[in-house]
Amino acid sequence: MNKVVFSLLILFFSAITAIAQKGVTTLGIQLKPMVPSQFFGTGPIRQFSEHTDALLENQLGWNSGVVIRRGLNNMWSLETGIAMVQRNYKVSFESLRFGFSESMSYRLVGYEIPLQALIYVQLGKQWFMNGSGGMALNFYPSNLEKFGSTVVDTSFIDYHVKTYRNNWMMPSVLANLGFEYRTPKSGFFYIGASYHRPLSEIALSNLRIENNGSGNDTQFYLNGTYLTLDLRYFLPESSADKPKKKGT
């Protein structure tokens, strides 16, 4: 895994350096609601055992950050940037052993650095359709824990969810399709959709329910895949960035 990540970092910085003197650089901001989808593998996961009936659900999450676009020519660009990614989960469970039901919500926060090649198709004077694809490096700062407790027939019951990251840095693949409205003075307005798929599970969530140290565990593997609605705004190009016409 470390060799793969190192190779991707070399590719990332080499690509940025190679185009540093070409085209126009555009800076933008993005907000991408992450929508759960059974079709894309982010639907509910149920784990049933002798002691526990548990259901893990992906909730609406968020991807927000900065986008840097570097134009290669009139059709192709390269995009990178950095974003904070917040995945939200809810686990609902019934303890058949201790006789109670409960639910807990928790979140997994990471950071994403994408590198994508983007191609344009002009639909009108100011309208463009574009598609992109590439890789991303995903960073997960730490593991996380969420605790709860209840009383059942005078017995004090503890329950908690511990989420263990698979690695602090993991690669993923990206694909995107969207539409862009460009104005020379007000900037670019973009709406589209993205698909993000890590190359392996990003984390393991362990639900434990116990009384006086005796209990049982239920585990969920988090694949980290998400589908987003993409909303972006790119700042207008400065006069220094615009290509000069011949004779000026």
Protein backbone atom coordinates (compact mmCIF):
# COMPACT_ATOMS: atom_id res chain seq x y z
CA MET A 1 0.00 0.00 0.00
CA ASN A 2 2.78 2.47 0.90
CA LYS A 3 4.49 1.92 -2.47
CA VAL A 4 1.20 2.58 -4.31
CA VAL A 5 0.59 5.78 -2.36
CA PHE A 6 4.17 6.98 -2.93
CA SER A 7 3.84 6.37 -6.68
CA LEU A 8 0.58 8.32 -6.80
CA LEU A 9 2.19 11.25 -4.97
CA ILE A 10 5.06 11.32 -7.48
CA LEU A 11 2.55 11.27 -10.37
CA PHE A 12 0.49 14.03 -8.74
CA PHE A 13 3.35 16.49 -8.24
CA SER A 14 4.97 15.65 -11.59
CA ALA A 15 1.74 16.45 -13.42
CA ILE A 16 1.34 19.78 -11.61
CA THR A 17 4.94 20.76 -12.44
CA ALA A 18 4.64 19.72 -16.07
CA ILE A 19 1.77 22.11 -16.79
CA ALA A 20 2.84 24.98 -14.56
CA GLN A 21 3.66 27.24 -17.52
CA LYS A 22 0.69 26.44 -19.77
CA GLY A 23 -2.88 27.71 -20.07
CA VAL A 24 -4.97 29.56 -17.52
CA THR A 25 -5.42 28.75 -13.84
CA THR A 26 -8.96 29.09 -12.41
CA LEU A 27 -9.79 28.95 -8.71
CA GLY A 28 -13.15 27.72 -7.46
CA ILE A 29 -15.09 26.51 -4.43
CA GLN A 30 -17.33 23.47 -4.28
CA LEU A 31 -20.09 21.97 -2.14
CA LYS A 32 -21.01 18.36 -2.83
CA PRO A 33 -23.83 16.71 -0.85
CA MET A 34 -23.08 12.97 -0.62
CA VAL A 35 -26.22 10.94 -1.35
CA PRO A 36 -26.61 7.34 -0.08
CA SER A 37 -27.44 4.84 -2.83
CA GLN A 38 -28.19 1.12 -2.64
CA PHE A 39 -27.21 0.79 -6.31
CA PHE A 40 -23.70 2.15 -5.63
CA GLY A 41 -23.16 0.07 -2.51
CA THR A 42 -23.92 2.66 0.16
CA GLY A 43 -27.35 1.42 1.15
CA PRO A 44 -28.30 -0.02 4.58
CA ILE A 45 -26.28 -2.96 5.95
CA ARG A 46 -27.96 -5.35 8.35
CA GLN A 47 -26.09 -7.70 10.68
CA PHE A 48 -28.14 -10.28 12.59
CA SER A 49 -26.78 -12.64 15.21
CA GLU A 50 -27.93 -14.63 18.21
CA HIS A 51 -27.51 -11.58 20.46
CA THR A 52 -28.01 -8.49 18.28
CA ASP A 53 -30.04 -7.26 15.32
CA ALA A 54 -28.23 -4.18 13.95
CA LEU A 55 -28.70 -1.91 10.94
CA LEU A 56 -26.08 0.55 9.65
CA GLU A 57 -27.29 3.38 7.40
CA ASN A 58 -25.34 5.96 5.43
CA GLN A 59 -26.77 9.42 6.08
CA LEU A 60 -26.41 12.53 3.92
CA GLY A 61 -22.75 13.59 3.99
CA TRP A 62 -20.72 16.56 2.73
CA ASN A 63 -17.70 17.22 0.57
CA SER A 64 -16.55 20.85 0.52
CA GLY A 65 -13.34 22.57 -0.45
CA VAL A 66 -11.29 24.37 -3.08
CA VAL A 67 -10.83 23.42 -6.75
CA ILE A 68 -7.87 24.47 -8.91
CA ARG A 69 -8.31 24.08 -12.65
CA ARG A 70 -5.42 24.44 -15.10
CA GLY A 71 -6.24 24.76 -18.80
CA LEU A 72 -4.16 22.72 -21.21
CA ASN A 73 -5.99 23.82 -24.39
CA ASN A 74 -9.54 24.63 -25.51
CA MET A 75 -10.76 21.09 -24.78
CA TRP A 76 -8.65 19.71 -21.94
CA SER A 77 -7.90 20.82 -18.39
CA LEU A 78 -6.39 19.34 -15.27
CA GLU A 79 -8.14 19.68 -11.91
CA THR A 80 -6.86 19.31 -8.38
CA GLY A 81 -7.54 20.92 -5.00
CA ILE A 82 -8.33 19.86 -1.46
CA ALA A 83 -11.62 19.04 0.24
CA MET A 84 -12.93 17.97 3.61
CA VAL A 85 -15.15 14.88 3.40
CA GLN A 86 -17.64 14.13 6.17
CA ARG A 87 -19.37 10.75 6.03
CA ASN A 88 -22.35 10.41 8.39
CA TYR A 89 -23.64 7.10 9.72
CA LYS A 90 -26.46 5.88 11.92
CA VAL A 91 -26.52 2.47 13.58
CA SER A 92 -29.82 1.19 14.99
CA PHE A 93 -29.78 -1.99 17.05
CA GLU A 94 -31.88 -4.29 19.19
CA SER A 95 -30.07 -6.21 21.90
CA LEU A 96 -31.76 -9.59 22.13
CA ARG A 97 -29.50 -10.52 25.02
CA PHE A 98 -30.16 -7.48 27.24
CA GLY A 99 -33.64 -6.62 25.96
CA PHE A 100 -33.52 -3.04 24.69
CA SER A 101 -33.33 -1.04 21.44
CA GLU A 102 -31.29 2.06 20.69
CA SER A 103 -29.60 4.03 17.90
CA MET A 104 -26.41 6.10 17.57
CA SER A 105 -25.21 8.58 14.96
CA TYR A 106 -21.54 9.23 14.25
CA ARG A 107 -19.33 10.71 11.56
CA LEU A 108 -16.05 9.91 9.86
CA VAL A 109 -14.07 12.94 8.66
CA GLY A 110 -11.30 12.76 6.08
CA TYR A 111 -9.52 14.91 3.52
CA GLU A 112 -9.25 14.42 -0.23
CA ILE A 113 -6.74 15.60 -2.84
CA PRO A 114 -8.00 14.76 -6.36
CA LEU A 115 -6.17 14.78 -9.66
CA GLN A 116 -8.47 14.59 -12.70
CA ALA A 117 -8.27 15.12 -16.45
CA LEU A 118 -11.28 17.06 -17.74
CA ILE A 119 -12.62 17.40 -21.29
CA TYR A 120 -15.14 20.00 -22.55
CA VAL A 121 -17.90 19.94 -25.16
CA GLN A 122 -19.27 23.40 -26.01
CA LEU A 123 -23.08 23.39 -26.22
CA GLY A 124 -23.62 27.10 -26.83
CA LYS A 125 -21.98 30.48 -26.52
CA GLN A 126 -21.69 30.20 -22.73
CA TRP A 127 -22.78 26.62 -21.98
CA PHE A 128 -20.35 23.70 -21.72
CA MET A 129 -20.69 20.03 -20.84
CA ASN A 130 -17.67 18.34 -19.32
CA GLY A 131 -16.61 14.96 -18.08
CA SER A 132 -13.61 14.03 -15.99
CA GLY A 133 -11.88 11.06 -14.45
CA GLY A 134 -8.84 10.35 -12.34
CA MET A 135 -7.56 9.43 -8.89
CA ALA A 136 -7.65 10.91 -5.40
CA LEU A 137 -5.58 10.54 -2.26
CA ASN A 138 -7.74 10.27 0.85
CA PHE A 139 -6.42 11.04 4.33
CA TYR A 140 -8.01 9.84 7.59
CA PRO A 141 -6.48 11.60 10.63
CA SER A 142 -7.60 9.20 13.38
CA ASN A 143 -9.88 6.47 14.62
CA LEU A 144 -13.09 7.48 16.43
CA GLU A 145 -15.37 6.38 19.26
CA LYS A 146 -18.97 7.12 20.23
CA PHE A 147 -20.38 6.01 23.62
CA GLY A 148 -23.83 5.52 25.13
CA SER A 149 -25.53 3.80 28.06
CA THR A 150 -28.93 2.79 29.40
CA VAL A 151 -30.52 1.02 32.37
CA VAL A 152 -32.51 -2.19 31.88
CA ASP A 153 -34.16 -3.74 34.96
CA THR A 154 -31.70 -1.96 37.27
CA SER A 155 -28.75 -3.22 35.18
CA PHE A 156 -26.40 -0.60 33.73
CA ILE A 157 -25.73 -1.38 30.04
CA ASP A 158 -22.88 0.24 28.08
CA TYR A 159 -22.76 0.39 24.30
CA HIS A 160 -20.30 2.07 21.97
CA VAL A 161 -19.17 2.22 18.36
CA LYS A 162 -15.44 2.24 17.63
CA THR A 163 -14.37 2.95 14.05
CA TYR A 164 -10.90 1.90 12.99
CA ARG A 165 -9.42 3.35 9.80
CA ASN A 166 -7.89 0.85 7.37
CA ASN A 167 -4.96 3.19 6.69
CA TRP A 168 -4.18 6.88 7.25
CA MET A 169 -3.83 7.41 3.47
CA MET A 170 -5.78 5.56 0.77
CA PRO A 171 -6.24 5.99 -3.02
CA SER A 172 -9.57 6.02 -4.85
CA VAL A 173 -10.95 6.48 -8.36
CA LEU A 174 -13.14 9.40 -9.45
CA ALA A 175 -15.58 10.04 -12.31
CA ASN A 176 -17.60 13.18 -12.98
CA LEU A 177 -20.13 14.59 -15.44
CA GLY A 178 -21.63 18.07 -15.40
CA PHE A 179 -22.67 21.33 -17.06
CA GLU A 180 -21.07 24.75 -16.80
CA TYR A 181 -22.31 28.27 -17.53
CA ARG A 182 -19.43 30.70 -18.15
CA THR A 183 -19.52 34.48 -17.92
CA PRO A 184 -16.49 36.76 -18.44
CA LYS A 185 -17.25 39.02 -15.46
CA SER A 186 -19.21 36.88 -12.97
CA GLY A 187 -17.24 33.64 -13.27
CA PHE A 188 -18.29 30.04 -14.00
CA PHE A 189 -21.32 28.28 -12.48
CA TYR A 190 -21.28 24.48 -12.46
CA ILE A 191 -23.73 21.68 -11.59
CA GLY A 192 -23.01 17.99 -12.01
CA ALA A 193 -22.54 14.63 -10.31
CA SER A 194 -19.52 12.64 -9.15
CA TYR A 195 -18.81 9.01 -8.31
CA HIS A 196 -16.04 8.22 -5.82
CA ARG A 197 -14.85 4.67 -5.11
CA PRO A 198 -11.96 3.77 -2.77
CA LEU A 199 -9.76 0.86 -3.86
CA SER A 200 -10.54 -0.96 -0.59
CA GLU A 201 -12.66 -0.58 2.57
CA ILE A 202 -11.78 2.61 4.38
CA ALA A 203 -12.69 1.56 7.93
CA LEU A 204 -14.27 -0.99 10.25
CA SER A 205 -17.01 0.02 12.71
CA ASN A 206 -17.40 -2.24 15.75
CA LEU A 207 -20.58 -2.05 17.83
CA ARG A 208 -20.19 -3.48 21.33
CA ILE A 209 -22.95 -3.91 23.93
CA GLU A 210 -21.86 -5.02 27.41
CA ASN A 211 -22.74 -5.31 31.07
CA ASN A 212 -19.96 -5.56 33.68
CA GLY A 213 -17.41 -6.43 31.00
CA SER A 214 -19.49 -9.21 29.44
CA GLY A 215 -21.00 -8.49 26.04
CA ASN A 216 -21.04 -9.07 22.31
CA ASP A 217 -19.75 -7.34 19.16
CA THR A 218 -21.20 -6.57 15.72
CA GLN A 219 -18.94 -5.37 12.90
CA PHE A 220 -19.56 -3.30 9.77
CA TYR A 221 -17.06 -2.69 6.98
CA LEU A 222 -17.28 0.83 5.51
CA ASN A 223 -16.53 0.87 1.78
CA GLY A 224 -16.45 4.69 1.57
CA THR A 225 -18.08 4.86 -1.87
CA TYR A 226 -20.22 7.92 -2.50
CA LEU A 227 -22.34 9.61 -5.16
CA THR A 228 -22.59 13.41 -5.03
CA LEU A 229 -24.50 16.35 -6.43
CA ASP A 230 -21.77 18.84 -7.39
CA LEU A 231 -22.23 22.59 -6.98
CA ARG A 232 -19.22 24.73 -7.95
CA TYR A 233 -18.38 28.35 -8.53
CA PHE A 234 -15.17 29.48 -10.29
CA LEU A 235 -13.86 33.01 -9.91
CA PRO A 236 -13.53 35.16 -13.06
CA GLU A 237 -10.19 34.99 -14.83
CA SER A 238 -7.90 37.92 -14.12
CA SER A 239 -6.69 40.01 -17.04
CA ALA A 240 -3.14 38.77 -16.40
CA ASP A 241 -4.28 35.15 -16.83
CA LYS A 242 -6.17 35.66 -20.08
CA PRO A 243 -4.29 34.72 -23.25
CA LYS A 244 -3.05 37.82 -25.08
CA LYS A 245 -4.20 38.44 -28.62
CA LYS A 246 -1.60 38.77 -31.34
CA GLY A 247 -0.30 42.30 -31.78
CA THR A 248 -1.04 43.32 -28.17
